């Protein structure tokens, strides 16, 4: 998990939810994503950021986004508007965390 991902988790979720969200991102949105071929934490940011964006800080939406990512991770990229630009997730993260 990258420090940038953790900053976004902190931005979207309260301290009481932080550990759960980080754990779920590691367990359910990592190297185990069907058809995703990146073992690098930075490479996983794009999908993880999409899940966080779609969650809007709500655990139920977070769970739904994780389920979508595990069905087809490209769907979360489409829904988060990260599909057509491989750097869109980075630009979005900058707007959320102040760079």
C-alpha atoms as a PDB file:
ATOM      1  CA  UNK A   1       0.000   0.000   0.000  1.00  0.00           C
ATOM      2  CA  UNK A   2       1.464   3.345  -0.975  1.00  0.00           C
ATOM      3  CA  UNK A   3       1.541   6.355   1.328  1.00  0.00           C
ATOM      4  CA  UNK A   4      -0.579   8.197  -1.220  1.00  0.00           C
ATOM      5  CA  UNK A   5      -3.281   5.540  -1.024  1.00  0.00           C
ATOM      6  CA  UNK A   6      -3.289   5.738   2.767  1.00  0.00           C
ATOM      7  CA  UNK A   7      -3.656   9.546   2.579  1.00  0.00           C
ATOM      8  CA  UNK A   8      -6.730   9.080   0.394  1.00  0.00           C
ATOM      9  CA  UNK A   9      -8.174   6.540   2.811  1.00  0.00           C
ATOM     10  CA  UNK A  10      -7.663   9.074   5.604  1.00  0.00           C
ATOM     11  CA  UNK A  11      -9.307  11.742   3.461  1.00  0.00           C
ATOM     12  CA  UNK A  12     -12.392   9.651   2.768  1.00  0.00           C
ATOM     13  CA  UNK A  13     -12.867   7.614   5.927  1.00  0.00           C
ATOM     14  CA  UNK A  14     -12.749   8.307   9.644  1.00  0.00           C
ATOM     15  CA  UNK A  15     -10.162   6.932  12.035  1.00  0.00           C
ATOM     16  CA  UNK A  16     -12.581   4.240  13.192  1.00  0.00           C
ATOM     17  CA  UNK A  17     -12.907   2.907   9.614  1.00  0.00           C
ATOM     18  CA  UNK A  18      -9.313   3.390   8.471  1.00  0.00           C
ATOM     19  CA  UNK A  19      -7.906  -0.022   9.431  1.00  0.00           C
ATOM     20  CA  UNK A  20     -10.854  -1.858   7.888  1.00  0.00           C
ATOM     21  CA  UNK A  21     -10.586   0.069   4.601  1.00  0.00           C
ATOM     22  CA  UNK A  22      -6.816  -0.428   4.347  1.00  0.00           C
ATOM     23  CA  UNK A  23      -7.206  -4.129   5.126  1.00  0.00           C
ATOM     24  CA  UNK A  24      -9.954  -4.547   2.535  1.00  0.00           C
ATOM     25  CA  UNK A  25      -7.892  -2.754  -0.123  1.00  0.00           C
ATOM     26  CA  UNK A  26      -4.966  -5.083   0.550  1.00  0.00           C
ATOM     27  CA  UNK A  27      -7.081  -8.242   0.757  1.00  0.00           C
ATOM     28  CA  UNK A  28      -9.650  -7.580  -1.953  1.00  0.00           C
ATOM     29  CA  UNK A  29      -8.028  -5.042  -4.273  1.00  0.00           C
ATOM     30  CA  UNK A  30      -4.494  -6.254  -4.728  1.00  0.00           C
ATOM     31  CA  UNK A  31      -2.625  -8.841  -6.728  1.00  0.00           C
ATOM     32  CA  UNK A  32      -5.686 -11.068  -6.485  1.00  0.00           C
ATOM     33  CA  UNK A  33      -7.834  -8.981  -8.852  1.00  0.00           C
ATOM     34  CA  UNK A  34      -8.942 -11.242 -11.690  1.00  0.00           C
ATOM     35  CA  UNK A  35      -6.970 -10.451 -14.829  1.00  0.00           C
ATOM     36  CA  UNK A  36      -4.945  -7.611 -13.303  1.00  0.00           C
ATOM     37  CA  UNK A  37      -1.244  -7.980 -13.911  1.00  0.00           C
ATOM     38  CA  UNK A  38       0.535  -5.604 -11.557  1.00  0.00           C
ATOM     39  CA  UNK A  39       2.208  -6.712  -8.372  1.00  0.00           C
ATOM     40  CA  UNK A  40       3.587  -3.271  -7.645  1.00  0.00           C
ATOM     41  CA  UNK A  41       1.719  -1.136  -5.063  1.00  0.00           C
ATOM     42  CA  UNK A  42       2.047   1.903  -7.324  1.00  0.00           C
ATOM     43  CA  UNK A  43       0.570  -0.088 -10.193  1.00  0.00           C
ATOM     44  CA  UNK A  44      -2.417  -0.931  -8.025  1.00  0.00           C
ATOM     45  CA  UNK A  45      -3.095   2.736  -7.235  1.00  0.00           C
ATOM     46  CA  UNK A  46      -5.191   3.261 -10.331  1.00  0.00           C
ATOM     47  CA  UNK A  47      -7.757   0.629  -9.343  1.00  0.00           C
ATOM     48  CA  UNK A  48      -7.570   1.410  -5.621  1.00  0.00           C
ATOM     49  CA  UNK A  49      -8.071   5.131  -6.252  1.00  0.00           C
ATOM     50  CA  UNK A  50     -11.076   4.308  -8.437  1.00  0.00           C
ATOM     51  CA  UNK A  51     -12.572   2.225  -5.634  1.00  0.00           C
ATOM     52  CA  UNK A  52     -12.002   5.046  -3.143  1.00  0.00           C
ATOM     53  CA  UNK A  53     -13.464   7.650  -5.486  1.00  0.00           C
ATOM     54  CA  UNK A  54     -16.576   5.575  -6.092  1.00  0.00           C
ATOM     55  CA  UNK A  55     -16.985   4.953  -2.368  1.00  0.00           C
ATOM     56  CA  UNK A  56     -17.531   8.644  -1.625  1.00  0.00           C
ATOM     57  CA  UNK A  57     -16.438   7.776   1.917  1.00  0.00           C
ATOM     58  CA  UNK A  58     -19.326   5.361   2.471  1.00  0.00           C
ATOM     59  CA  UNK A  59     -18.556   1.784   3.541  1.00  0.00           C
ATOM     60  CA  UNK A  60     -21.490   0.303   1.613  1.00  0.00           C
ATOM     61  CA  UNK A  61     -20.404   2.051  -1.599  1.00  0.00           C
ATOM     62  CA  UNK A  62     -16.827   1.012  -0.861  1.00  0.00           C
ATOM     63  CA  UNK A  63     -17.912  -2.625  -0.633  1.00  0.00           C
ATOM     64  CA  UNK A  64     -19.889  -2.308  -3.873  1.00  0.00           C
ATOM     65  CA  UNK A  65     -16.877  -0.810  -5.652  1.00  0.00           C
ATOM     66  CA  UNK A  66     -14.677  -3.645  -4.370  1.00  0.00           C
ATOM     67  CA  UNK A  67     -17.168  -6.203  -5.660  1.00  0.00           C
ATOM     68  CA  UNK A  68     -17.208  -4.465  -9.034  1.00  0.00           C
ATOM     69  CA  UNK A  69     -13.387  -4.457  -9.145  1.00  0.00           C
ATOM     70  CA  UNK A  70     -13.347  -8.185  -8.422  1.00  0.00           C
ATOM     71  CA  UNK A  71     -15.842  -8.860 -11.187  1.00  0.00           C
ATOM     72  CA  UNK A  72     -13.974  -6.712 -13.727  1.00  0.00           C
ATOM     73  CA  UNK A  73     -11.515  -4.076 -12.509  1.00  0.00           C
ATOM     74  CA  UNK A  74     -11.930  -2.143 -15.764  1.00  0.00           C
ATOM     75  CA  UNK A  75     -15.493  -1.301 -14.748  1.00  0.00           C
ATOM     76  CA  UNK A  76     -14.331   0.703 -11.730  1.00  0.00           C
ATOM     77  CA  UNK A  77     -11.892   2.573 -13.946  1.00  0.00           C
ATOM     78  CA  UNK A  78     -14.733   3.447 -16.315  1.00  0.00           C
ATOM     79  CA  UNK A  79     -17.076   4.530 -13.523  1.00  0.00           C
ATOM     80  CA  UNK A  80     -14.377   6.667 -11.900  1.00  0.00           C
ATOM     81  CA  UNK A  81     -13.408   8.270 -15.248  1.00  0.00           C
ATOM     82  CA  UNK A  82      -9.896   6.798 -15.045  1.00  0.00           C
ATOM     83  CA  UNK A  83     -10.165   4.493 -18.062  1.00  0.00           C
ATOM     84  CA  UNK A  84      -8.961   6.646 -20.941  1.00  0.00           C
ATOM     85  CA  UNK A  85      -6.034   8.405 -19.299  1.00  0.00           C
ATOM     86  CA  UNK A  86      -3.467   6.349 -17.373  1.00  0.00           C
ATOM     87  CA  UNK A  87      -2.633   9.418 -15.289  1.00  0.00           C
ATOM     88  CA  UNK A  88      -6.196  10.539 -14.492  1.00  0.00           C
ATOM     89  CA  UNK A  89      -6.116   8.814 -11.105  1.00  0.00           C
ATOM     90  CA  UNK A  90      -2.979  10.757 -10.156  1.00  0.00           C
ATOM     91  CA  UNK A  91      -4.544  14.091 -11.120  1.00  0.00           C
ATOM     92  CA  UNK A  92      -7.675  13.210  -9.140  1.00  0.00           C
ATOM     93  CA  UNK A  93      -5.606  12.208  -6.086  1.00  0.00           C
ATOM     94  CA  UNK A  94      -3.789  15.544  -6.229  1.00  0.00           C
ATOM     95  CA  UNK A  95      -7.115  17.376  -6.055  1.00  0.00           C
ATOM     96  CA  UNK A  96      -8.150  15.304  -3.032  1.00  0.00           C
ATOM     97  CA  UNK A  97      -4.950  15.494  -0.992  1.00  0.00           C
ATOM     98  CA  UNK A  98      -3.512  18.803  -2.103  1.00  0.00           C
ATOM     99  CA  UNK A  99      -0.722  17.214  -4.121  1.00  0.00           C
END
